[in-house]
Protein backbone atom coordinates (compact mmCIF):
# COMPACT_ATOMS: atom_id res chain seq x y z
CA UNK A 1 -19.01 15.60 54.16
CA UNK A 2 -17.18 15.97 50.71
CA UNK A 3 -16.80 13.95 47.53
CA UNK A 4 -13.71 14.45 45.82
CA UNK A 5 -13.12 12.61 42.40
CA UNK A 6 -9.33 12.22 41.11
CA UNK A 7 -9.23 11.70 37.56
CA UNK A 8 -6.55 11.22 34.77
CA UNK A 9 -3.51 8.98 34.99
CA UNK A 10 -4.08 6.48 37.81
CA UNK A 11 -0.48 6.55 39.26
CA UNK A 12 -0.57 10.46 39.44
CA UNK A 13 -4.23 10.53 40.62
CA UNK A 14 -3.20 8.50 43.23
CA UNK A 15 -0.28 10.51 44.25
CA UNK A 16 -2.33 13.86 43.97
CA UNK A 17 -5.17 12.09 46.25
CA UNK A 18 -2.66 11.40 49.10
CA UNK A 19 -1.32 14.97 48.93
CA UNK A 20 -4.77 16.49 48.77
CA UNK A 21 -6.17 14.45 51.74
CA UNK A 22 -2.83 15.06 53.70
CA UNK A 23 -3.69 18.97 53.30
CA UNK A 24 -7.10 18.32 54.65
CA UNK A 25 -5.60 16.49 57.68
CA UNK A 26 -6.34 12.95 56.58
CA UNK A 27 -3.72 10.12 56.07
CA UNK A 28 -4.49 8.05 53.15
CA UNK A 29 -2.69 4.96 54.59
CA UNK A 30 -5.07 5.26 57.60
CA UNK A 31 -8.30 5.10 55.69
CA UNK A 32 -10.02 2.07 54.30
CA UNK A 33 -9.55 1.50 50.51
CA UNK A 34 -12.21 -0.19 48.47
CA UNK A 35 -11.86 -1.43 45.09
CA UNK A 36 -13.08 -4.16 42.47
CA UNK A 37 -15.82 -6.58 43.77
CA UNK A 38 -15.48 -4.58 47.17
CA UNK A 39 -17.13 -1.48 45.85
CA UNK A 40 -20.71 -2.31 46.81
CA UNK A 41 -23.41 -0.47 48.91
CA UNK A 42 -23.13 -3.14 51.61
CA UNK A 43 -19.26 -2.87 51.90
CA UNK A 44 -19.13 0.88 51.66
CA UNK A 45 -21.91 1.82 53.93
CA UNK A 46 -20.02 1.13 57.30
CA UNK A 47 -17.30 3.47 56.16
CA UNK A 48 -19.61 6.44 55.21
CA UNK A 49 -20.50 7.57 58.85
CA UNK A 50 -18.13 9.57 61.22
CA UNK A 51 -16.27 7.99 63.66
CA UNK A 52 -15.98 8.58 67.40
CA UNK A 53 -13.22 11.36 66.67
CA UNK A 54 -15.21 13.26 64.09
CA UNK A 55 -14.70 13.17 60.31
CA UNK A 56 -13.28 9.92 58.84
CA UNK A 57 -12.88 8.89 55.26
CA UNK A 58 -12.88 6.40 52.64
CA UNK A 59 -11.08 5.75 49.34
CA UNK A 60 -12.88 4.47 46.43
CA UNK A 61 -10.86 3.07 43.51
CA UNK A 62 -13.49 2.47 40.33
CA UNK A 63 -10.81 0.85 37.99
CA UNK A 64 -12.77 -1.84 36.37
CA UNK A 65 -16.08 -0.97 38.29
CA UNK A 66 -19.25 0.57 36.60
CA UNK A 67 -21.10 2.16 39.51
CA UNK A 68 -24.75 2.79 39.11
CA UNK A 69 -26.66 5.86 39.98
CA UNK A 70 -27.50 4.58 43.26
CA UNK A 71 -23.98 3.69 44.20
CA UNK A 72 -22.87 7.29 43.12
CA UNK A 73 -25.75 8.82 45.17
CA UNK A 74 -24.51 6.81 48.47
CA UNK A 75 -20.99 8.32 47.82
CA UNK A 76 -22.24 11.78 47.40
CA UNK A 77 -24.41 11.79 50.34
CA UNK A 78 -21.55 10.32 52.82
CA UNK A 79 -21.03 12.29 55.97
CA UNK A 80 -17.27 11.57 55.62
CA UNK A 81 -14.73 12.54 52.92
CA UNK A 82 -15.09 10.32 50.04
CA UNK A 83 -11.98 10.33 47.86
CA UNK A 84 -12.78 8.42 44.41
CA UNK A 85 -10.27 7.28 42.00
CA UNK A 86 -11.76 7.65 38.57
CA UNK A 87 -9.27 7.60 35.72
CA UNK A 88 -11.52 8.56 32.66
CA UNK A 89 -15.21 9.05 33.84
CA UNK A 90 -18.02 9.33 31.49
CA UNK A 91 -19.97 12.52 31.08
CA UNK A 92 -22.73 11.27 33.51
CA UNK A 93 -20.37 10.78 36.31
CA UNK A 94 -18.65 13.90 35.80
CA UNK A 95 -21.76 15.87 36.13
CA UNK A 96 -22.32 14.10 39.66
CA UNK A 97 -18.75 15.15 40.72
CA UNK A 98 -19.20 18.65 39.64
CA UNK A 99 -22.67 18.96 41.14
CA UNK A 100 -22.16 17.28 44.46
CA UNK A 101 -18.26 17.53 45.12
CA UNK A 102 -15.15 18.47 43.11
CA UNK A 103 -13.06 17.01 40.42
CA UNK A 104 -9.04 17.04 40.82
CA UNK A 105 -7.75 16.09 37.31
CA UNK A 106 -4.07 14.56 36.92
CA UNK A 107 -3.37 14.63 33.04
CA UNK A 108 -0.54 12.46 32.15
CA UNK A 109 2.36 13.41 29.89
CA UNK A 110 2.23 11.10 26.63
CA UNK A 111 4.80 12.23 24.02
CA UNK A 112 8.39 11.31 24.66
CA UNK A 113 9.40 15.01 25.06
CA UNK A 114 6.66 15.59 27.63
CA UNK A 115 7.48 12.48 29.56
CA UNK A 116 11.17 13.50 29.71
CA UNK A 117 10.05 17.01 31.13
CA UNK A 118 7.80 15.07 33.65
CA UNK A 119 10.95 13.21 34.71
CA UNK A 120 13.24 16.22 35.12
CA UNK A 121 10.60 18.15 37.17
CA UNK A 122 10.15 14.96 39.31
CA UNK A 123 14.13 14.92 39.80
CA UNK A 124 14.27 18.68 40.74
CA UNK A 125 11.45 18.10 43.22
CA UNK A 126 13.26 15.13 44.71
CA UNK A 127 16.77 16.91 44.41
CA UNK A 128 18.05 14.04 42.33
CA UNK A 129 20.81 14.97 40.07
CA UNK A 130 19.97 13.16 36.81
CA UNK A 131 20.99 15.20 33.68
CA UNK A 132 18.38 15.46 30.75
CA UNK A 133 19.99 12.76 28.61
CA UNK A 134 19.34 10.31 31.44
CA UNK A 135 15.85 11.69 31.84
CA UNK A 136 15.26 11.11 28.35
CA UNK A 137 16.59 7.48 28.51
CA UNK A 138 13.77 6.71 31.27
CA UNK A 139 11.24 8.25 28.95
CA UNK A 140 12.41 6.04 26.10
CA UNK A 141 12.48 3.00 28.13
CA UNK A 142 9.37 3.30 30.03
CA UNK A 143 7.25 5.62 27.87
CA UNK A 144 4.09 6.34 29.49
CA UNK A 145 4.43 3.96 32.30
CA UNK A 146 5.19 6.83 34.87
CA UNK A 147 4.93 4.31 37.95
CA UNK A 148 7.82 2.31 36.32
CA UNK A 149 9.80 5.53 36.03
CA UNK A 150 9.12 6.54 39.50
CA UNK A 151 10.05 3.12 40.85
CA UNK A 152 13.61 3.66 39.25
CA UNK A 153 13.99 7.05 40.46
CA UNK A 154 13.38 5.68 43.87
CA UNK A 155 16.25 3.20 43.54
CA UNK A 156 18.58 5.80 42.17
CA UNK A 157 17.79 7.86 44.99
CA UNK A 158 19.78 5.20 47.28
CA UNK A 159 22.83 5.65 45.25
CA UNK A 160 25.34 8.69 44.75
CA UNK A 161 24.88 11.06 42.02
CA UNK A 162 25.39 12.41 39.48
CA UNK A 163 23.64 10.42 37.16
CA UNK A 164 24.24 10.06 33.41
CA UNK A 165 22.57 8.34 30.87
CA UNK A 166 25.14 5.52 30.89
CA UNK A 167 24.80 5.43 34.62
CA UNK A 168 21.02 5.04 34.73
CA UNK A 169 21.20 2.63 31.93
CA UNK A 170 23.66 0.38 34.09
CA UNK A 171 21.21 0.54 36.84
CA UNK A 172 18.03 0.01 34.94
CA UNK A 173 19.38 -2.73 32.77
CA UNK A 174 16.96 -2.28 29.88
CA UNK A 175 17.40 -1.39 26.29
CA UNK A 176 15.39 1.45 24.74
CA UNK A 177 12.40 -0.06 22.49
CA UNK A 178 13.00 0.24 18.81
CA UNK A 179 11.45 2.86 16.93
CA UNK A 180 10.09 2.08 13.39
CA UNK A 181 10.10 5.69 12.20
CA UNK A 182 13.70 6.23 13.52
CA UNK A 183 14.50 2.95 11.96
CA UNK A 184 13.47 4.31 8.64
CA UNK A 185 14.91 7.58 8.98
CA UNK A 186 18.24 6.20 9.73
CA UNK A 187 18.08 3.99 6.73
CA UNK A 188 17.15 6.63 4.26
CA UNK A 189 19.92 8.88 5.99
CA UNK A 190 22.46 6.23 4.87
CA UNK A 191 23.05 4.86 8.76
CA UNK A 192 22.38 1.16 8.22
CA UNK A 193 24.17 0.32 11.60
CA UNK A 194 21.61 2.58 13.58
CA UNK A 195 18.68 1.27 11.40
CA UNK A 196 19.45 -2.39 12.09
CA UNK A 197 20.01 -1.55 15.64
CA UNK A 198 16.37 -0.10 15.91
CA UNK A 199 15.17 -3.21 13.85
CA UNK A 200 16.60 -5.72 16.34
CA UNK A 201 15.28 -3.90 19.29
CA UNK A 202 11.78 -4.02 17.86
CA UNK A 203 12.16 -7.84 17.21
CA UNK A 204 13.67 -8.41 20.81
CA UNK A 205 10.83 -6.58 22.32
CA UNK A 206 8.62 -8.98 20.79
CA UNK A 207 6.96 -7.12 17.56
CA UNK A 208 5.76 -9.60 14.99
CA UNK A 209 7.88 -9.32 11.70
CA UNK A 210 4.98 -9.37 9.61
CA UNK A 211 3.14 -6.56 11.74
CA UNK A 212 6.45 -4.70 11.30
CA UNK A 213 6.58 -5.12 7.46
CA UNK A 214 3.06 -4.04 7.40
CA UNK A 215 3.99 -0.91 9.32
CA UNK A 216 6.86 -0.29 6.70
CA UNK A 217 4.31 -0.72 4.05
CA UNK A 218 2.19 1.82 5.66
CA UNK A 219 5.01 4.19 6.55
CA UNK A 220 6.52 4.12 3.16
CA UNK A 221 3.10 4.85 1.47
CA UNK A 222 3.03 7.94 3.59
CA UNK A 223 6.72 8.77 2.54
CA UNK A 224 5.97 8.22 -1.20
CA UNK A 225 2.82 10.49 -0.92
CA UNK A 226 5.05 13.14 0.95
CA UNK A 227 7.48 12.91 -2.02
CA UNK A 228 4.75 13.57 -4.52
CA UNK A 229 3.43 16.38 -2.29
CA UNK A 230 6.87 18.04 -2.38
CA UNK A 231 7.20 17.52 -6.09
CA UNK A 232 4.00 19.23 -6.70
CA UNK A 233 3.81 22.05 -3.98
CA UNK A 234 7.45 22.76 -3.15
CA UNK A 235 8.08 22.74 0.52
CA UNK A 236 5.18 21.24 2.41
CA UNK A 237 4.51 22.08 6.09
CA UNK A 238 3.67 19.08 8.64
CA UNK A 239 0.06 20.51 9.01
CA UNK A 240 -0.46 20.48 5.52
CA UNK A 241 0.85 17.02 4.85
CA UNK A 242 -1.24 15.78 7.88
CA UNK A 243 -4.33 17.25 6.25
CA UNK A 244 -3.81 15.79 2.83
CA UNK A 245 -2.68 12.57 3.99
CA UNK A 246 -5.44 12.02 6.51
CA UNK A 247 -3.21 11.05 9.44
CA UNK A 248 -2.21 12.71 12.60
CA UNK A 249 0.58 15.33 12.81
CA UNK A 250 3.30 13.05 14.23
CA UNK A 251 3.52 10.42 11.57
CA UNK A 252 3.06 13.35 8.91
CA UNK A 253 6.04 14.98 10.53
CA UNK A 254 8.01 11.70 10.50
CA UNK A 255 7.16 10.79 7.04
CA UNK A 256 8.02 14.34 5.88
CA UNK A 257 11.52 14.13 7.45
CA UNK A 258 12.24 10.66 5.61
CA UNK A 259 10.81 12.04 2.34
CA UNK A 260 13.10 15.08 2.37
CA UNK A 261 15.93 12.86 1.66
CA UNK A 262 14.30 11.28 -1.32
CA UNK A 263 13.18 11.99 -4.69
CA UNK A 264 10.79 10.18 -7.15
CA UNK A 265 13.61 7.70 -8.59
CA UNK A 266 14.83 6.85 -5.10
CA UNK A 267 11.32 6.29 -3.65
CA UNK A 268 10.56 3.87 -6.64
CA UNK A 269 13.36 1.85 -6.10
CA UNK A 270 12.70 1.66 -2.07
CA UNK A 271 9.03 0.73 -3.02
CA UNK A 272 10.25 -1.96 -5.31
CA UNK A 273 12.67 -3.45 -2.59
CA UNK A 274 9.95 -3.30 0.03
CA UNK A 275 7.61 -5.27 -2.44
CA UNK A 276 10.49 -7.91 -2.97
CA UNK A 277 11.00 -8.24 0.99
CA UNK A 278 7.20 -8.71 1.47
CA UNK A 279 6.83 -11.51 -1.15
CA UNK A 280 10.01 -13.25 0.40
CA UNK A 281 8.65 -13.30 3.69
CA UNK A 282 5.39 -14.80 2.21
CA UNK A 283 7.03 -17.30 0.54
CA UNK A 284 8.77 -18.49 3.78
CA UNK A 285 12.15 -16.72 3.78
CA UNK A 286 13.16 -16.05 7.55
CA UNK A 287 11.25 -12.90 8.46
CA UNK A 288 13.93 -11.36 10.49
CA UNK A 289 16.34 -11.74 7.89
CA UNK A 290 14.19 -10.64 5.22
CA UNK A 291 13.53 -7.37 7.25
CA UNK A 292 17.28 -6.99 8.01
CA UNK A 293 18.22 -7.24 4.47
CA UNK A 294 15.56 -4.82 3.55
CA UNK A 295 16.54 -2.17 6.04
CA UNK A 296 20.05 -2.53 4.82
CA UNK A 297 18.97 -1.93 1.20
CA UNK A 298 17.09 1.10 2.02
CA UNK A 299 20.21 2.50 3.54
CA UNK A 300 22.27 2.39 0.28
């Protein structure tokens, strides 16, 4: 009867699927749902014909499945509503969906600010009284894990609000992950306590110290080049820095924020300290201790 492909973020697509089917008189909970090894012509066929009471339906989750042309044709020619969850379909499947049915996309927020805005809107819809700082905390802790955020909001809905950042943090019980750019920014701004806190969060979350040192080296190479650009061209925009450094806008922006606090003499000193810490780690000094000492040195 109809083929509807729900694409984009799996959690959001699943929610959109339920809402869309409900608007068409179908309850997703009452429909068979096939996924993984069950997505075959033999297992699907019994569900693709109307029942005694008219239109039925089936939900097909293609996560981890590579359907061939025959399977797609079977779904497209079904006499019932077929709701397909297909997070990132290739162009060939998109053409089938467009030609034989419809596509309902569910793009996900990715940047921290976008995730925070998504949390704010979800709270408004649920009439959950979280302030923006509390929403930002959930975005920091869970990142792009929207299902995780939704689960925490469901827990908070059972409690009395309003909810501040501190209240939500007590309920969730998780520290925000460290941010290496925030760590370097705090260090160069002369805030060693904040910088060391970021470092310890990164280490506590399982970040490998040697990989972190590699990240510091890479980030400071961008910072050094931004310092050089500023000396050569004066005030440099993020777009110009991204183009000349050959990186995406976000790391260019963060590198510029650090570079604006430095000059050539300071960046040379910082690079010498980074080199010394890197050598100390490779010679067997405790990696965590070496990194913490370096972060404090960069704060001076």
